[in-house]
Amino acid sequence: MSKYLPHIPGFHWQNNADHTGELIGLPLIGLGGVLIVSGVLDASFLPLAVGVIGVVAGLGLRKAH
């Protein structure tokens, strides 16, 4: 099934592994944001700390690619 498809640009087939940072990083940022808000509203340190770590890790994954 390795047909030549002239109507599809080549870059769509080459860098599929580069999207893993975005696919993992974006949910980490969202979940971290929810945990930060939960930690602030409940005045609890643990969800706040885990949320900050999640946001930092998500941003790091998005910048890495």
N, C-alpha and C. Protein backbone atom coordinates (compact mmCIF):
# COMPACT_ATOMS: atom_id res chain seq x y z
N MET A 1 0.82 -1.19 0.00
CA MET A 1 0.00 0.00 0.00
C MET A 1 0.87 1.26 0.00
N SER A 2 1.98 1.20 -0.60
CA SER A 2 2.80 2.41 -0.66
C SER A 2 2.62 3.08 -2.01
N LYS A 3 1.40 3.54 -2.24
CA LYS A 3 1.09 4.25 -3.47
C LYS A 3 1.61 5.67 -3.38
N TYR A 4 1.98 6.21 -4.51
CA TYR A 4 2.38 7.60 -4.58
C TYR A 4 1.12 8.45 -4.66
N LEU A 5 0.97 9.36 -3.71
CA LEU A 5 -0.19 10.23 -3.67
C LEU A 5 0.27 11.67 -3.90
N PRO A 6 0.21 12.15 -5.12
CA PRO A 6 0.75 13.48 -5.41
C PRO A 6 -0.08 14.62 -4.82
N HIS A 7 -1.33 14.38 -4.48
CA HIS A 7 -2.17 15.46 -3.97
C HIS A 7 -2.01 15.68 -2.46
N ILE A 8 -1.26 14.81 -1.77
CA ILE A 8 -1.03 14.96 -0.34
C ILE A 8 0.42 15.37 -0.13
N PRO A 9 0.66 16.51 0.53
CA PRO A 9 2.05 16.94 0.76
C PRO A 9 2.82 15.93 1.62
N GLY A 10 4.11 15.88 1.41
CA GLY A 10 4.95 14.92 2.09
C GLY A 10 5.10 15.15 3.57
N PHE A 11 4.96 16.39 4.03
CA PHE A 11 5.18 16.65 5.45
C PHE A 11 4.11 16.01 6.33
N HIS A 12 2.96 15.66 5.77
CA HIS A 12 1.93 15.00 6.55
C HIS A 12 2.33 13.58 6.93
N TRP A 13 3.21 12.99 6.16
CA TRP A 13 3.60 11.61 6.40
C TRP A 13 4.88 11.50 7.23
N GLN A 14 5.62 12.57 7.37
CA GLN A 14 6.96 12.47 7.95
C GLN A 14 6.99 12.68 9.46
N ASN A 15 6.40 13.70 9.98
CA ASN A 15 6.62 14.10 11.37
C ASN A 15 5.44 13.76 12.27
N ASN A 16 4.97 12.54 12.22
CA ASN A 16 3.85 12.15 13.07
C ASN A 16 4.27 12.01 14.53
N ALA A 17 5.53 11.69 14.80
CA ALA A 17 6.00 11.52 16.17
C ALA A 17 6.11 12.86 16.89
N ASP A 18 6.15 13.96 16.17
CA ASP A 18 6.28 15.26 16.80
C ASP A 18 5.00 15.71 17.49
N HIS A 19 3.89 15.10 17.18
CA HIS A 19 2.62 15.51 17.77
C HIS A 19 2.36 14.89 19.13
N THR A 20 3.20 13.97 19.56
CA THR A 20 2.96 13.33 20.85
C THR A 20 3.12 14.32 22.00
N GLY A 21 4.04 15.25 21.88
CA GLY A 21 4.19 16.26 22.92
C GLY A 21 2.95 17.13 23.06
N GLU A 22 2.33 17.44 21.93
CA GLU A 22 1.10 18.23 21.99
C GLU A 22 -0.06 17.40 22.52
N LEU A 23 -0.13 16.14 22.13
CA LEU A 23 -1.25 15.30 22.56
C LEU A 23 -1.19 14.98 24.05
N ILE A 24 -0.01 14.93 24.61
CA ILE A 24 0.12 14.66 26.04
C ILE A 24 0.17 15.97 26.83
N GLY A 25 0.79 16.98 26.27
CA GLY A 25 0.98 18.24 26.99
C GLY A 25 -0.30 19.02 27.21
N LEU A 26 -1.16 19.04 26.21
CA LEU A 26 -2.38 19.84 26.33
C LEU A 26 -3.32 19.32 27.42
N PRO A 27 -3.58 18.00 27.51
CA PRO A 27 -4.40 17.54 28.64
C PRO A 27 -3.74 17.75 30.00
N LEU A 28 -2.40 17.67 30.05
CA LEU A 28 -1.71 17.95 31.31
C LEU A 28 -1.92 19.39 31.75
N ILE A 29 -1.88 20.31 30.82
CA ILE A 29 -2.10 21.72 31.14
C ILE A 29 -3.53 21.92 31.63
N GLY A 30 -4.49 21.30 30.94
CA GLY A 30 -5.89 21.44 31.35
C GLY A 30 -6.16 20.83 32.71
N LEU A 31 -5.67 19.62 32.93
CA LEU A 31 -5.86 18.97 34.22
C LEU A 31 -5.14 19.73 35.34
N GLY A 32 -3.96 20.23 35.04
CA GLY A 32 -3.24 21.02 36.03
C GLY A 32 -3.98 22.30 36.38
N GLY A 33 -4.58 22.93 35.39
CA GLY A 33 -5.37 24.13 35.66
C GLY A 33 -6.57 23.85 36.54
N VAL A 34 -7.23 22.73 36.27
CA VAL A 34 -8.38 22.35 37.11
C VAL A 34 -7.93 22.07 38.54
N LEU A 35 -6.79 21.40 38.69
CA LEU A 35 -6.29 21.12 40.04
C LEU A 35 -5.85 22.39 40.76
N ILE A 36 -5.30 23.34 40.03
CA ILE A 36 -4.92 24.62 40.65
C ILE A 36 -6.15 25.34 41.17
N VAL A 37 -7.19 25.40 40.34
CA VAL A 37 -8.42 26.07 40.76
C VAL A 37 -9.04 25.34 41.96
N SER A 38 -9.03 24.02 41.91
CA SER A 38 -9.57 23.24 43.02
C SER A 38 -8.77 23.47 44.30
N GLY A 39 -7.45 23.54 44.17
CA GLY A 39 -6.61 23.77 45.35
C GLY A 39 -6.80 25.15 45.93
N VAL A 40 -7.01 26.14 45.08
CA VAL A 40 -7.22 27.50 45.58
C VAL A 40 -8.59 27.62 46.25
N LEU A 41 -9.62 27.03 45.64
CA LEU A 41 -10.96 27.15 46.21
C LEU A 41 -11.10 26.37 47.51
N ASP A 42 -10.45 25.22 47.61
CA ASP A 42 -10.54 24.41 48.83
C ASP A 42 -9.47 24.78 49.86
N ALA A 43 -8.58 25.69 49.51
CA ALA A 43 -7.46 26.09 50.36
C ALA A 43 -6.63 24.87 50.76
N SER A 44 -6.39 24.00 49.78
CA SER A 44 -5.63 22.79 50.00
C SER A 44 -4.33 22.86 49.21
N PHE A 45 -3.24 22.49 49.86
CA PHE A 45 -1.93 22.63 49.24
C PHE A 45 -1.63 21.53 48.23
N LEU A 46 -2.05 20.31 48.51
CA LEU A 46 -1.68 19.18 47.66
C LEU A 46 -2.22 19.29 46.23
N PRO A 47 -3.52 19.56 46.01
CA PRO A 47 -3.97 19.72 44.62
C PRO A 47 -3.32 20.91 43.92
N LEU A 48 -3.05 21.95 44.68
CA LEU A 48 -2.39 23.12 44.10
C LEU A 48 -0.99 22.77 43.62
N ALA A 49 -0.24 22.05 44.44
CA ALA A 49 1.13 21.67 44.07
C ALA A 49 1.14 20.70 42.88
N VAL A 50 0.23 19.72 42.90
CA VAL A 50 0.16 18.77 41.79
C VAL A 50 -0.27 19.49 40.51
N GLY A 51 -1.16 20.44 40.62
CA GLY A 51 -1.59 21.22 39.46
C GLY A 51 -0.47 22.04 38.86
N VAL A 52 0.32 22.67 39.71
CA VAL A 52 1.46 23.45 39.21
C VAL A 52 2.48 22.54 38.52
N ILE A 53 2.73 21.38 39.11
CA ILE A 53 3.66 20.42 38.50
C ILE A 53 3.10 19.96 37.15
N GLY A 54 1.80 19.71 37.07
CA GLY A 54 1.20 19.27 35.82
C GLY A 54 1.27 20.34 34.74
N VAL A 55 1.02 21.58 35.11
CA VAL A 55 1.10 22.67 34.13
C VAL A 55 2.53 22.85 33.64
N VAL A 56 3.48 22.82 34.54
CA VAL A 56 4.89 22.97 34.15
C VAL A 56 5.32 21.81 33.24
N ALA A 57 4.90 20.58 33.59
CA ALA A 57 5.26 19.43 32.76
C ALA A 57 4.59 19.53 31.39
N GLY A 58 3.35 19.95 31.35
CA GLY A 58 2.65 20.10 30.07
C GLY A 58 3.27 21.15 29.19
N LEU A 59 3.65 22.27 29.78
CA LEU A 59 4.32 23.32 29.00
C LEU A 59 5.68 22.86 28.53
N GLY A 60 6.37 22.08 29.35
CA GLY A 60 7.66 21.55 28.94
C GLY A 60 7.53 20.58 27.78
N LEU A 61 6.51 19.76 27.78
CA LEU A 61 6.30 18.84 26.67
C LEU A 61 5.92 19.58 25.39
N ARG A 62 5.15 20.64 25.52
CA ARG A 62 4.76 21.40 24.33
C ARG A 62 5.94 22.16 23.74
N LYS A 63 6.85 22.62 24.59
CA LYS A 63 8.03 23.35 24.10
C LYS A 63 9.10 22.41 23.55
N ALA A 64 9.09 21.15 24.00
CA ALA A 64 10.15 20.22 23.63
C ALA A 64 10.11 19.84 22.16
N HIS A 65 8.95 19.84 21.55
CA HIS A 65 8.90 19.40 20.15
C HIS A 65 9.19 20.52 19.26
